[in-house]
Amino acid sequence: MLNQATSIASKWLKTQVLMQDERVIPHIPETRKYSQENLRSMLSSYGLVVLKPNVGTGGSGIILIERQNENYLLKHSHRQRRIAAFSSLVEAVRKLMRRREYLVQQGIRLAQIDGRPLDYRVKIAKHGDKWVTRSVVGRLAKEGLFVTNLCSGGTLLTSKEAIRRSLPSLNVSAKKQEMKKLAYLCKDIFLRQYPLMEQLGFDFGLDNQGKVWIFEMNTRPH
């Protein structure tokens, strides 16, 4: 059944649509709805997780948690704290969530420039009968932060500069083409259920090995 929506706010719903295609699944970090047990399980599996509001933009409310030996390092906005007990971690997270629905996602160790992580925003849009690429840019996190959003102090880079400086061994044009190809594949999957979409934005990341990860798809990209 086709859906007539022209935008979708739920990150969970968008992830579920993309997960229907086995070509995309390897590029999506494991994502679950937040619960204490899911947090415990995914920290055990990955050692690094990101908690993000199911509905929200601009990187607001994102929490990063890393397990370090017997402690946990919690980062939120420009603040960070070490927490010893899992029960104390859950309580700290509860206060930050403020009753909002959250997702817990496998953390990816992104390629960096001078210790600052970066990701990529790919925008595509319908132009007449065709879809065209509007932009492919890099976003470098502000020093000391883990979110790359420009509204949080991130720096805009050309995708060429971002790839060249963070992963100099990669073929820049080939990696850009891979991200664009993945964006158009996701677009095709999404339009099967939501044919009225006219613009999409993708937040991609490259890990230290150059693998492309899909963090989020936006139906109303800024």
N, C-alpha and C. Protein backbone atom coordinates (compact mmCIF):
# COMPACT_ATOMS: atom_id res chain seq x y z
N MET A 1 0.84 -1.19 0.00
CA MET A 1 0.00 0.00 0.00
C MET A 1 0.88 1.25 0.00
N LEU A 2 0.60 2.17 -0.93
CA LEU A 2 1.39 3.38 -1.04
C LEU A 2 0.96 4.41 0.00
N ASN A 3 1.93 5.11 0.55
CA ASN A 3 1.65 6.13 1.55
C ASN A 3 1.77 7.50 0.89
N GLN A 4 0.85 8.39 1.21
CA GLN A 4 0.81 9.70 0.55
C GLN A 4 1.62 10.77 1.29
N ALA A 5 2.35 10.39 2.33
CA ALA A 5 3.14 11.37 3.08
C ALA A 5 4.23 11.98 2.22
N THR A 6 4.52 13.26 2.46
CA THR A 6 5.61 13.93 1.76
C THR A 6 6.81 14.16 2.67
N SER A 7 6.67 13.85 3.95
CA SER A 7 7.81 13.90 4.88
C SER A 7 7.52 12.96 6.04
N ILE A 8 8.59 12.44 6.63
CA ILE A 8 8.47 11.50 7.76
C ILE A 8 9.46 11.92 8.83
N ALA A 9 8.97 12.06 10.05
CA ALA A 9 9.82 12.51 11.14
C ALA A 9 10.51 11.35 11.87
N SER A 10 9.86 10.20 11.94
CA SER A 10 10.37 9.09 12.75
C SER A 10 11.61 8.45 12.14
N LYS A 11 12.73 8.54 12.86
CA LYS A 11 13.95 7.89 12.41
C LYS A 11 13.78 6.37 12.37
N TRP A 12 13.03 5.85 13.33
CA TRP A 12 12.80 4.41 13.40
C TRP A 12 12.07 3.91 12.16
N LEU A 13 11.03 4.61 11.76
CA LEU A 13 10.25 4.21 10.59
C LEU A 13 11.11 4.25 9.33
N LYS A 14 11.89 5.31 9.18
CA LYS A 14 12.74 5.43 7.99
C LYS A 14 13.77 4.30 7.95
N THR A 15 14.32 3.96 9.11
CA THR A 15 15.30 2.88 9.17
C THR A 15 14.66 1.56 8.79
N GLN A 16 13.44 1.31 9.27
CA GLN A 16 12.75 0.06 8.97
C GLN A 16 12.48 -0.08 7.48
N VAL A 17 12.13 1.02 6.82
CA VAL A 17 11.89 0.96 5.37
C VAL A 17 13.17 0.57 4.64
N LEU A 18 14.28 1.20 4.98
CA LEU A 18 15.54 0.91 4.30
C LEU A 18 16.02 -0.51 4.59
N MET A 19 15.72 -1.02 5.78
CA MET A 19 16.17 -2.35 6.16
C MET A 19 15.46 -3.47 5.39
N GLN A 20 14.48 -3.12 4.59
CA GLN A 20 13.78 -4.13 3.80
C GLN A 20 14.62 -4.61 2.61
N ASP A 21 15.69 -3.90 2.30
CA ASP A 21 16.51 -4.26 1.15
C ASP A 21 17.88 -4.75 1.62
N GLU A 22 18.21 -5.96 1.26
CA GLU A 22 19.44 -6.57 1.78
C GLU A 22 20.70 -5.90 1.24
N ARG A 23 20.58 -5.11 0.18
CA ARG A 23 21.75 -4.39 -0.33
C ARG A 23 22.14 -3.23 0.58
N VAL A 24 21.18 -2.73 1.35
CA VAL A 24 21.42 -1.57 2.21
C VAL A 24 21.76 -1.99 3.64
N ILE A 25 21.26 -3.12 4.06
CA ILE A 25 21.43 -3.56 5.45
C ILE A 25 22.88 -3.49 5.95
N PRO A 26 23.88 -3.92 5.15
CA PRO A 26 25.25 -3.87 5.66
C PRO A 26 25.76 -2.46 5.95
N HIS A 27 25.08 -1.44 5.42
CA HIS A 27 25.53 -0.06 5.60
C HIS A 27 24.83 0.64 6.77
N ILE A 28 23.87 -0.03 7.40
CA ILE A 28 23.12 0.60 8.50
C ILE A 28 23.63 0.07 9.84
N PRO A 29 24.14 0.94 10.71
CA PRO A 29 24.55 0.47 12.03
C PRO A 29 23.35 -0.17 12.74
N GLU A 30 23.61 -1.21 13.52
CA GLU A 30 22.50 -1.83 14.25
C GLU A 30 21.76 -0.77 15.06
N THR A 31 20.45 -0.76 14.93
CA THR A 31 19.61 0.25 15.56
C THR A 31 18.44 -0.42 16.26
N ARG A 32 18.20 -0.06 17.50
CA ARG A 32 17.05 -0.60 18.25
C ARG A 32 16.34 0.54 18.97
N LYS A 33 15.12 0.28 19.37
CA LYS A 33 14.44 1.24 20.25
C LYS A 33 15.11 1.18 21.61
N TYR A 34 15.22 2.34 22.25
CA TYR A 34 15.93 2.38 23.52
C TYR A 34 15.18 1.63 24.62
N SER A 35 15.94 0.83 25.34
CA SER A 35 15.51 0.24 26.61
C SER A 35 16.78 -0.04 27.39
N GLN A 36 16.65 -0.26 28.69
CA GLN A 36 17.84 -0.57 29.49
C GLN A 36 18.54 -1.81 28.95
N GLU A 37 17.76 -2.83 28.60
CA GLU A 37 18.36 -4.08 28.13
C GLU A 37 19.03 -3.91 26.78
N ASN A 38 18.42 -3.12 25.89
CA ASN A 38 19.06 -2.87 24.60
C ASN A 38 20.35 -2.07 24.77
N LEU A 39 20.34 -1.12 25.69
CA LEU A 39 21.55 -0.36 25.96
C LEU A 39 22.65 -1.28 26.49
N ARG A 40 22.31 -2.11 27.45
CA ARG A 40 23.30 -3.03 28.04
C ARG A 40 23.85 -3.98 26.97
N SER A 41 22.96 -4.55 26.18
CA SER A 41 23.35 -5.52 25.16
C SER A 41 24.25 -4.91 24.10
N MET A 42 23.89 -3.69 23.64
CA MET A 42 24.67 -3.09 22.56
C MET A 42 26.00 -2.53 23.05
N LEU A 43 26.06 -2.08 24.29
CA LEU A 43 27.35 -1.69 24.87
C LEU A 43 28.27 -2.91 24.99
N SER A 44 27.67 -4.05 25.33
CA SER A 44 28.44 -5.29 25.43
C SER A 44 28.97 -5.70 24.06
N SER A 45 28.13 -5.52 23.02
CA SER A 45 28.52 -5.94 21.67
C SER A 45 29.52 -5.01 21.01
N TYR A 46 29.32 -3.70 21.19
CA TYR A 46 30.08 -2.74 20.40
C TYR A 46 31.02 -1.84 21.22
N GLY A 47 30.75 -1.70 22.51
CA GLY A 47 31.59 -0.83 23.34
C GLY A 47 31.35 0.65 23.14
N LEU A 48 30.65 1.01 22.07
CA LEU A 48 30.36 2.40 21.74
C LEU A 48 28.97 2.46 21.12
N VAL A 49 28.10 3.31 21.69
CA VAL A 49 26.75 3.46 21.15
C VAL A 49 26.38 4.93 21.11
N VAL A 50 25.43 5.24 20.25
CA VAL A 50 24.87 6.59 20.15
C VAL A 50 23.38 6.51 20.44
N LEU A 51 22.90 7.36 21.33
CA LEU A 51 21.48 7.46 21.61
C LEU A 51 20.97 8.72 20.93
N LYS A 52 19.88 8.59 20.17
CA LYS A 52 19.36 9.75 19.45
C LYS A 52 17.85 9.78 19.56
N PRO A 53 17.26 10.98 19.68
CA PRO A 53 15.80 11.07 19.72
C PRO A 53 15.21 10.51 18.44
N ASN A 54 14.11 9.77 18.57
CA ASN A 54 13.45 9.23 17.38
C ASN A 54 12.97 10.34 16.46
N VAL A 55 12.59 11.47 17.03
CA VAL A 55 12.19 12.64 16.25
C VAL A 55 13.05 13.82 16.69
N GLY A 56 13.71 14.43 15.75
CA GLY A 56 14.57 15.58 16.10
C GLY A 56 15.55 15.86 14.98
N THR A 57 16.05 17.08 14.93
CA THR A 57 16.99 17.48 13.89
C THR A 57 18.15 18.25 14.49
N GLY A 58 19.14 18.47 13.66
CA GLY A 58 20.26 19.31 14.05
C GLY A 58 21.19 18.73 15.09
N GLY A 59 21.09 17.42 15.33
CA GLY A 59 21.97 16.80 16.32
C GLY A 59 21.56 17.05 17.75
N SER A 60 20.40 17.69 17.94
CA SER A 60 19.96 18.01 19.30
C SER A 60 19.61 16.74 20.08
N GLY A 61 20.09 16.67 21.32
CA GLY A 61 19.73 15.57 22.20
C GLY A 61 20.53 14.30 22.02
N ILE A 62 21.52 14.30 21.13
CA ILE A 62 22.29 13.09 20.89
C ILE A 62 23.26 12.83 22.05
N ILE A 63 23.34 11.56 22.44
CA ILE A 63 24.19 11.14 23.55
C ILE A 63 25.13 10.05 23.05
N LEU A 64 26.40 10.15 23.39
CA LEU A 64 27.37 9.12 23.03
C LEU A 64 27.86 8.45 24.31
N ILE A 65 27.89 7.13 24.31
CA ILE A 65 28.34 6.38 25.48
C ILE A 65 29.40 5.37 25.04
N GLU A 66 30.52 5.39 25.76
CA GLU A 66 31.61 4.44 25.48
C GLU A 66 31.93 3.67 26.74
N ARG A 67 32.01 2.36 26.60
CA ARG A 67 32.42 1.53 27.74
C ARG A 67 33.94 1.51 27.80
N GLN A 68 34.48 1.88 28.94
CA GLN A 68 35.93 1.91 29.14
C GLN A 68 36.28 1.08 30.37
N ASN A 69 36.77 -0.12 30.14
CA ASN A 69 37.05 -1.05 31.24
C ASN A 69 35.79 -1.24 32.08
N GLU A 70 35.82 -0.82 33.33
CA GLU A 70 34.66 -1.00 34.20
C GLU A 70 33.80 0.26 34.29
N ASN A 71 34.17 1.29 33.57
CA ASN A 71 33.44 2.56 33.62
C ASN A 71 32.75 2.86 32.30
N TYR A 72 31.92 3.90 32.32
CA TYR A 72 31.26 4.38 31.12
C TYR A 72 31.57 5.87 30.96
N LEU A 73 31.89 6.25 29.73
CA LEU A 73 32.09 7.66 29.42
C LEU A 73 30.86 8.15 28.67
N LEU A 74 30.15 9.13 29.24
CA LEU A 74 28.93 9.67 28.65
C LEU A 74 29.22 11.07 28.14
N LYS A 75 28.93 11.32 26.85
CA LYS A 75 29.11 12.64 26.25
C LYS A 75 27.76 13.17 25.77
N HIS A 76 27.49 14.41 26.10
CA HIS A 76 26.25 15.06 25.67
C HIS A 76 26.54 16.53 25.47
N SER A 77 26.30 17.02 24.25
CA SER A 77 26.64 18.40 23.92
C SER A 77 28.14 18.60 24.18
N HIS A 78 28.53 19.62 24.93
CA HIS A 78 29.95 19.85 25.20
C HIS A 78 30.38 19.27 26.55
N ARG A 79 29.51 18.52 27.19
CA ARG A 79 29.82 17.97 28.51
C ARG A 79 30.11 16.47 28.43
N GLN A 80 30.94 16.00 29.34
CA GLN A 80 31.19 14.57 29.44
C GLN A 80 31.44 14.21 30.90
N ARG A 81 31.10 12.98 31.24
CA ARG A 81 31.32 12.51 32.62
C ARG A 81 31.56 11.01 32.61
N ARG A 82 32.32 10.57 33.59
CA ARG A 82 32.58 9.13 33.76
C ARG A 82 31.63 8.60 34.83
N ILE A 83 31.08 7.44 34.54
CA ILE A 83 30.09 6.83 35.43
C ILE A 83 30.51 5.38 35.69
N ALA A 84 30.47 4.98 36.94
CA ALA A 84 30.99 3.65 37.31
C ALA A 84 29.95 2.55 37.14
N ALA A 85 28.74 2.78 37.64
CA ALA A 85 27.73 1.72 37.67
C ALA A 85 26.74 1.85 36.52
N PHE A 86 26.31 0.71 35.97
CA PHE A 86 25.35 0.74 34.87
C PHE A 86 24.04 1.39 35.33
N SER A 87 23.62 1.12 36.56
CA SER A 87 22.38 1.71 37.07
C SER A 87 22.48 3.24 37.11
N SER A 88 23.65 3.75 37.45
CA SER A 88 23.86 5.20 37.46
C SER A 88 23.85 5.76 36.05
N LEU A 89 24.38 4.99 35.09
CA LEU A 89 24.36 5.40 33.69
C LEU A 89 22.91 5.51 33.20
N VAL A 90 22.10 4.52 33.52
CA VAL A 90 20.69 4.52 33.09
C VAL A 90 19.97 5.73 33.66
N GLU A 91 20.25 6.07 34.90
CA GLU A 91 19.59 7.22 35.53
C GLU A 91 20.04 8.53 34.85
N ALA A 92 21.31 8.63 34.53
CA ALA A 92 21.81 9.84 33.85
C ALA A 92 21.17 9.98 32.47
N VAL A 93 21.04 8.86 31.78
CA VAL A 93 20.40 8.87 30.45
C VAL A 93 18.94 9.26 30.57
N ARG A 94 18.26 8.73 31.57
CA ARG A 94 16.84 9.03 31.76
C ARG A 94 16.61 10.53 31.91
N LYS A 95 17.47 11.19 32.65
CA LYS A 95 17.32 12.63 32.86
C LYS A 95 17.55 13.40 31.55
N LEU A 96 18.49 12.94 30.75
CA LEU A 96 18.78 13.63 29.49
C LEU A 96 17.67 13.42 28.45
N MET A 97 17.02 12.27 28.53
CA MET A 97 15.98 11.96 27.54
C MET A 97 14.71 12.81 27.72
N ARG A 98 14.43 13.18 28.94
CA ARG A 98 13.27 14.02 29.23
C ARG A 98 11.97 13.47 28.61
N ARG A 99 11.76 12.18 28.80
CA ARG A 99 10.52 11.50 28.39
C ARG A 99 10.36 11.36 26.87
N ARG A 100 11.38 11.71 26.12
CA ARG A 100 11.29 11.54 24.67
C ARG A 100 11.64 10.11 24.28
N GLU A 101 11.08 9.67 23.16
CA GLU A 101 11.40 8.34 22.65
C GLU A 101 12.78 8.39 22.00
N TYR A 102 13.62 7.44 22.36
CA TYR A 102 14.99 7.39 21.85
C TYR A 102 15.29 6.08 21.14
N LEU A 103 16.30 6.14 20.28
CA LEU A 103 16.86 4.95 19.65
C LEU A 103 18.28 4.76 20.17
N VAL A 104 18.74 3.52 20.18
CA VAL A 104 20.14 3.24 20.52
C VAL A 104 20.77 2.61 19.29
N GLN A 105 21.90 3.19 18.86
CA GLN A 105 22.52 2.79 17.60
C GLN A 105 23.99 2.42 17.83
N GLN A 106 24.41 1.39 17.13
CA GLN A 106 25.82 0.99 17.14
C GLN A 106 26.69 2.19 16.83
N GLY A 107 27.69 2.44 17.68
CA GLY A 107 28.61 3.54 17.44
C GLY A 107 29.64 3.17 16.38
N ILE A 108 29.94 4.11 15.49
CA ILE A 108 30.94 3.90 14.46
C ILE A 108 32.11 4.85 14.72
N ARG A 109 33.31 4.29 14.71
CA ARG A 109 34.49 5.13 14.92
C ARG A 109 34.86 5.77 13.58
N LEU A 110 34.45 7.03 13.45
CA LEU A 110 34.59 7.73 12.19
C LEU A 110 36.03 8.14 11.91
N ALA A 111 36.35 8.21 10.62
CA ALA A 111 37.62 8.81 10.22
C ALA A 111 37.63 10.26 10.70
N GLN A 112 38.83 10.77 11.01
CA GLN A 112 38.94 12.09 11.63
C GLN A 112 39.96 12.97 10.92
N ILE A 113 39.86 14.24 11.20
CA ILE A 113 40.88 15.22 10.80
C ILE A 113 41.33 15.92 12.08
N ASP A 114 42.58 15.77 12.42
CA ASP A 114 43.12 16.39 13.65
C ASP A 114 42.29 16.04 14.88
N GLY A 115 41.89 14.77 14.97
CA GLY A 115 41.14 14.31 16.13
C GLY A 115 39.68 14.70 16.14
N ARG A 116 39.20 15.31 15.08
CA ARG A 116 37.80 15.74 14.99
C ARG A 116 37.05 14.84 13.99
N PRO A 117 36.00 14.15 14.42
CA PRO A 117 35.26 13.28 13.50
C PRO A 117 34.53 14.08 12.43
N LEU A 118 34.27 13.43 11.31
CA LEU A 118 33.49 14.09 10.28
C LEU A 118 32.56 13.11 9.60
N ASP A 119 31.49 13.66 9.03
CA ASP A 119 30.57 12.86 8.23
C ASP A 119 30.23 13.63 6.96
N TYR A 120 29.24 13.11 6.22
CA TYR A 120 28.93 13.66 4.91
C TYR A 120 27.43 13.82 4.76
N ARG A 121 27.02 14.88 4.11
CA ARG A 121 25.61 15.10 3.80
C ARG A 121 25.45 15.07 2.27
N VAL A 122 24.63 14.16 1.81
CA VAL A 122 24.31 14.04 0.39
C VAL A 122 22.85 14.42 0.21
N LYS A 123 22.58 15.41 -0.63
CA LYS A 123 21.21 15.85 -0.91
C LYS A 123 20.86 15.54 -2.35
N ILE A 124 19.70 14.92 -2.52
CA ILE A 124 19.18 14.68 -3.86
C ILE A 124 17.74 15.17 -3.90
N ALA A 125 17.28 15.55 -5.08
CA ALA A 125 15.93 16.12 -5.19
C ALA A 125 15.34 15.83 -6.55
N LYS A 126 14.04 15.82 -6.60
CA LYS A 126 13.33 15.61 -7.86
C LYS A 126 13.34 16.91 -8.65
N HIS A 127 13.72 16.80 -9.92
CA HIS A 127 13.75 17.98 -10.81
C HIS A 127 13.06 17.57 -12.11
N GLY A 128 11.79 17.98 -12.24
CA GLY A 128 11.00 17.49 -13.36
C GLY A 128 10.72 16.02 -13.17
N ASP A 129 11.09 15.22 -14.17
CA ASP A 129 10.87 13.77 -14.09
C ASP A 129 12.08 13.03 -13.53
N LYS A 130 13.16 13.75 -13.27
CA LYS A 130 14.39 13.10 -12.84
C LYS A 130 14.77 13.51 -11.42
N TRP A 131 15.60 12.69 -10.81
CA TRP A 131 16.22 13.05 -9.54
C TRP A 131 17.66 13.48 -9.82
N VAL A 132 18.09 14.54 -9.17
CA VAL A 132 19.43 15.07 -9.39
C VAL A 132 20.14 15.23 -8.04
N THR A 133 21.46 15.23 -8.09
CA THR A 133 22.26 15.44 -6.88
C THR A 133 22.43 16.94 -6.66
N ARG A 134 22.00 17.39 -5.49
CA ARG A 134 22.13 18.81 -5.15
C ARG A 134 23.49 19.13 -4.54
N SER A 135 23.96 18.25 -3.66
CA SER A 135 25.25 18.52 -3.02
C SER A 135 25.79 17.27 -2.34
N VAL A 136 27.11 17.22 -2.24
CA VAL A 136 27.82 16.20 -1.45
C VAL A 136 28.91 16.94 -0.69
N VAL A 137 28.73 17.10 0.61
CA VAL A 137 29.67 17.91 1.39
C VAL A 137 30.11 17.15 2.65
N GLY A 138 31.26 17.55 3.17
CA GLY A 138 31.75 17.02 4.44
C GLY A 138 31.41 17.98 5.56
N ARG A 139 31.22 17.43 6.77
CA ARG A 139 30.94 18.25 7.95
C ARG A 139 31.89 17.80 9.06
N LEU A 140 32.74 18.71 9.48
CA LEU A 140 33.76 18.42 10.48
C LEU A 140 33.31 18.93 11.84
N ALA A 141 33.32 18.05 12.83
CA ALA A 141 32.87 18.43 14.17
C ALA A 141 33.75 19.52 14.76
N LYS A 142 33.12 20.38 15.55
CA LYS A 142 33.86 21.38 16.30
C LYS A 142 34.80 20.67 17.27
N GLU A 143 35.94 21.24 17.51
CA GLU A 143 36.91 20.62 18.41
C GLU A 143 36.27 20.33 19.77
N GLY A 144 36.41 19.08 20.23
CA GLY A 144 35.85 18.69 21.52
C GLY A 144 34.45 18.12 21.45
N LEU A 145 33.80 18.20 20.29
CA LEU A 145 32.45 17.67 20.14
C LEU A 145 32.47 16.44 19.24
N PHE A 146 31.40 15.64 19.33
CA PHE A 146 31.30 14.47 18.46
C PHE A 146 30.21 14.63 17.40
N VAL A 147 29.32 15.62 17.55
CA VAL A 147 28.31 15.88 16.52
C VAL A 147 28.89 16.84 15.49
N THR A 148 28.53 16.64 14.23
CA THR A 148 29.13 17.41 13.14
C THR A 148 28.22 18.51 12.62
N ASN A 149 27.00 18.57 13.13
CA ASN A 149 26.02 19.51 12.59
C ASN A 149 26.55 20.94 12.60
N LEU A 150 26.26 21.67 11.54
CA LEU A 150 26.74 23.04 11.42
C LEU A 150 26.17 23.93 12.51
N CYS A 151 24.92 23.65 12.93
CA CYS A 151 24.30 24.45 13.98
C CYS A 151 24.95 24.21 15.34
N SER A 152 25.78 23.16 15.43
CA SER A 152 26.53 22.89 16.67
C SER A 152 27.99 23.29 16.54
N GLY A 153 28.28 24.10 15.53
CA GLY A 153 29.65 24.59 15.37
C GLY A 153 30.49 23.81 14.39
N GLY A 154 29.88 22.85 13.68
CA GLY A 154 30.63 22.08 12.68
C GLY A 154 31.09 22.94 11.53
N THR A 155 32.12 22.45 10.84
CA THR A 155 32.71 23.19 9.72
C THR A 155 32.39 22.48 8.41
N LEU A 156 31.94 23.24 7.43
CA LEU A 156 31.62 22.68 6.12
C LEU A 156 32.89 22.54 5.29
N LEU A 157 33.08 21.36 4.70
CA LEU A 157 34.21 21.10 3.82
C LEU A 157 33.69 20.55 2.50
N THR A 158 34.45 20.72 1.44
CA THR A 158 34.10 19.99 0.22
C THR A 158 34.31 18.51 0.50
N SER A 159 33.54 17.68 -0.16
CA SER A 159 33.70 16.24 0.06
C SER A 159 35.10 15.78 -0.35
N LYS A 160 35.64 16.40 -1.38
CA LYS A 160 36.98 16.04 -1.83
C LYS A 160 38.01 16.31 -0.74
N GLU A 161 37.94 17.50 -0.13
CA GLU A 161 38.88 17.84 0.93
C GLU A 161 38.70 16.94 2.14
N ALA A 162 37.43 16.67 2.50
CA ALA A 162 37.14 15.85 3.68
C ALA A 162 37.72 14.44 3.52
N ILE A 163 37.50 13.84 2.35
CA ILE A 163 38.00 12.48 2.13
C ILE A 163 39.53 12.48 2.05
N ARG A 164 40.08 13.43 1.32
CA ARG A 164 41.53 13.48 1.12
C ARG A 164 42.28 13.67 2.44
N ARG A 165 41.75 14.52 3.32
CA ARG A 165 42.45 14.81 4.57
C ARG A 165 42.24 13.74 5.64
N SER A 166 41.11 13.06 5.60
CA SER A 166 40.82 12.06 6.65
C SER A 166 41.26 10.66 6.26
N LEU A 167 41.16 10.33 4.97
CA LEU A 167 41.51 8.99 4.49
C LEU A 167 42.32 9.13 3.20
N PRO A 168 43.56 9.59 3.29
CA PRO A 168 44.35 9.93 2.11
C PRO A 168 44.62 8.76 1.16
N SER A 169 44.45 7.53 1.64
CA SER A 169 44.73 6.39 0.76
C SER A 169 43.55 6.06 -0.16
N LEU A 170 42.39 6.67 0.08
CA LEU A 170 41.20 6.36 -0.72
C LEU A 170 41.21 7.08 -2.06
N ASN A 171 40.53 6.47 -3.03
CA ASN A 171 40.24 7.13 -4.30
C ASN A 171 39.04 8.04 -4.06
N VAL A 172 39.27 9.35 -4.09
CA VAL A 172 38.23 10.30 -3.70
C VAL A 172 37.01 10.21 -4.61
N SER A 173 37.21 10.22 -5.91
CA SER A 173 36.06 10.22 -6.82
C SER A 173 35.27 8.92 -6.72
N ALA A 174 35.95 7.80 -6.51
CA ALA A 174 35.26 6.52 -6.37
C ALA A 174 34.42 6.49 -5.09
N LYS A 175 34.95 7.05 -4.01
CA LYS A 175 34.21 7.05 -2.75
C LYS A 175 33.00 7.98 -2.83
N LYS A 176 33.16 9.14 -3.47
CA LYS A 176 32.01 10.03 -3.68
C LYS A 176 30.94 9.34 -4.51
N GLN A 177 31.37 8.64 -5.55
CA GLN A 177 30.41 7.94 -6.41
C GLN A 177 29.69 6.84 -5.64
N GLU A 178 30.40 6.17 -4.74
CA GLU A 178 29.77 5.12 -3.92
C GLU A 178 28.69 5.71 -3.02
N MET A 179 28.95 6.87 -2.41
CA MET A 179 27.95 7.51 -1.56
C MET A 179 26.73 7.93 -2.37
N LYS A 180 26.97 8.50 -3.55
CA LYS A 180 25.84 8.93 -4.38
C LYS A 180 25.02 7.72 -4.85
N LYS A 181 25.69 6.67 -5.23
CA LYS A 181 25.00 5.46 -5.67
C LYS A 181 24.12 4.89 -4.54
N LEU A 182 24.65 4.91 -3.33
CA LEU A 182 23.90 4.41 -2.18
C LEU A 182 22.69 5.31 -1.90
N ALA A 183 22.87 6.62 -2.05
CA ALA A 183 21.76 7.55 -1.85
C ALA A 183 20.63 7.27 -2.83
N TYR A 184 20.95 7.04 -4.08
CA TYR A 184 19.93 6.79 -5.09
C TYR A 184 19.27 5.42 -4.90
N LEU A 185 20.02 4.45 -4.42
CA LEU A 185 19.44 3.16 -4.09
C LEU A 185 18.41 3.31 -2.97
N CYS A 186 18.79 4.05 -1.93
CA CYS A 186 17.87 4.29 -0.81
C CYS A 186 16.63 5.04 -1.29
N LYS A 187 16.83 5.98 -2.18
CA LYS A 187 15.70 6.74 -2.74
C LYS A 187 14.73 5.79 -3.44
N ASP A 188 15.25 4.89 -4.26
CA ASP A 188 14.39 3.95 -4.97
C ASP A 188 13.60 3.06 -4.01
N ILE A 189 14.27 2.61 -2.96
CA ILE A 189 13.60 1.76 -1.95
C ILE A 189 12.48 2.54 -1.28
N PHE A 190 12.79 3.77 -0.91
CA PHE A 190 11.82 4.58 -0.17
C PHE A 190 10.62 4.96 -1.02
N LEU A 191 10.85 5.25 -2.29
CA LEU A 191 9.75 5.69 -3.15
C LEU A 191 8.75 4.58 -3.45
N ARG A 192 9.15 3.33 -3.24
CA ARG A 192 8.19 2.24 -3.42
C ARG A 192 7.02 2.37 -2.46
N GLN A 193 7.29 2.86 -1.26
CA GLN A 193 6.23 3.03 -0.26
C GLN A 193 5.76 4.47 -0.12
N TYR A 194 6.66 5.41 -0.40
CA TYR A 194 6.34 6.83 -0.24
C TYR A 194 6.65 7.57 -1.55
N PRO A 195 5.80 7.41 -2.55
CA PRO A 195 6.10 7.92 -3.89
C PRO A 195 6.05 9.43 -4.03
N LEU A 196 5.53 10.14 -3.04
CA LEU A 196 5.38 11.59 -3.17
C LEU A 196 6.59 12.37 -2.66
N MET A 197 7.60 11.68 -2.18
CA MET A 197 8.81 12.38 -1.74
C MET A 197 9.45 13.13 -2.90
N GLU A 198 9.94 14.33 -2.62
CA GLU A 198 10.57 15.12 -3.68
C GLU A 198 11.99 15.56 -3.34
N GLN A 199 12.42 15.34 -2.10
CA GLN A 199 13.79 15.65 -1.73
C GLN A 199 14.21 14.74 -0.58
N LEU A 200 15.47 14.38 -0.56
CA LEU A 200 16.01 13.51 0.49
C LEU A 200 17.42 13.95 0.82
N GLY A 201 17.77 13.87 2.08
CA GLY A 201 19.13 14.14 2.52
C GLY A 201 19.65 12.94 3.30
N PHE A 202 20.88 12.61 3.10
CA PHE A 202 21.47 11.44 3.76
C PHE A 202 22.69 11.86 4.56
N ASP A 203 22.76 11.39 5.80
CA ASP A 203 23.94 11.57 6.63
C ASP A 203 24.75 10.28 6.56
N PHE A 204 25.88 10.35 5.88
CA PHE A 204 26.76 9.20 5.73
C PHE A 204 28.01 9.41 6.57
N GLY A 205 28.62 8.31 6.99
CA GLY A 205 29.91 8.38 7.66
C GLY A 205 30.87 7.41 7.01
N LEU A 206 32.14 7.72 7.08
CA LEU A 206 33.19 6.80 6.65
C LEU A 206 33.99 6.39 7.88
N ASP A 207 34.11 5.09 8.10
CA ASP A 207 34.92 4.66 9.24
C ASP A 207 36.39 4.65 8.83
N ASN A 208 37.24 4.19 9.73
CA ASN A 208 38.68 4.27 9.49
C ASN A 208 39.15 3.38 8.34
N GLN A 209 38.30 2.43 7.94
CA GLN A 209 38.62 1.59 6.79
C GLN A 209 37.99 2.10 5.49
N GLY A 210 37.22 3.21 5.60
CA GLY A 210 36.60 3.79 4.43
C GLY A 210 35.23 3.22 4.09
N LYS A 211 34.69 2.38 4.96
CA LYS A 211 33.35 1.84 4.70
C LYS A 211 32.31 2.93 4.88
N VAL A 212 31.30 2.93 3.99
CA VAL A 212 30.22 3.92 4.07
C VAL A 212 29.12 3.41 4.99
N TRP A 213 28.73 4.24 5.94
CA TRP A 213 27.63 3.94 6.87
C TRP A 213 26.51 4.96 6.69
N ILE A 214 25.29 4.50 6.77
CA ILE A 214 24.12 5.38 6.70
C ILE A 214 23.66 5.65 8.13
N PHE A 215 23.77 6.88 8.58
CA PHE A 215 23.31 7.22 9.92
C PHE A 215 21.86 7.67 9.93
N GLU A 216 21.46 8.36 8.90
CA GLU A 216 20.11 8.93 8.92
C GLU A 216 19.69 9.35 7.52
N MET A 217 18.39 9.27 7.29
CA MET A 217 17.83 9.81 6.05
C MET A 217 16.81 10.88 6.43
N ASN A 218 16.91 12.03 5.81
CA ASN A 218 16.02 13.15 6.09
C ASN A 218 15.09 13.39 4.92
N THR A 219 13.81 13.51 5.20
CA THR A 219 12.84 13.78 4.13
C THR A 219 12.58 15.27 3.95
N ARG A 220 13.11 16.08 4.86
CA ARG A 220 13.06 17.54 4.72
C ARG A 220 14.43 18.09 5.05
N PRO A 221 15.43 17.80 4.21
CA PRO A 221 16.81 18.20 4.55
C PRO A 221 17.00 19.70 4.51
N HIS A 222 17.81 20.19 5.46
CA HIS A 222 18.12 21.63 5.50
C HIS A 222 19.26 21.93 4.52
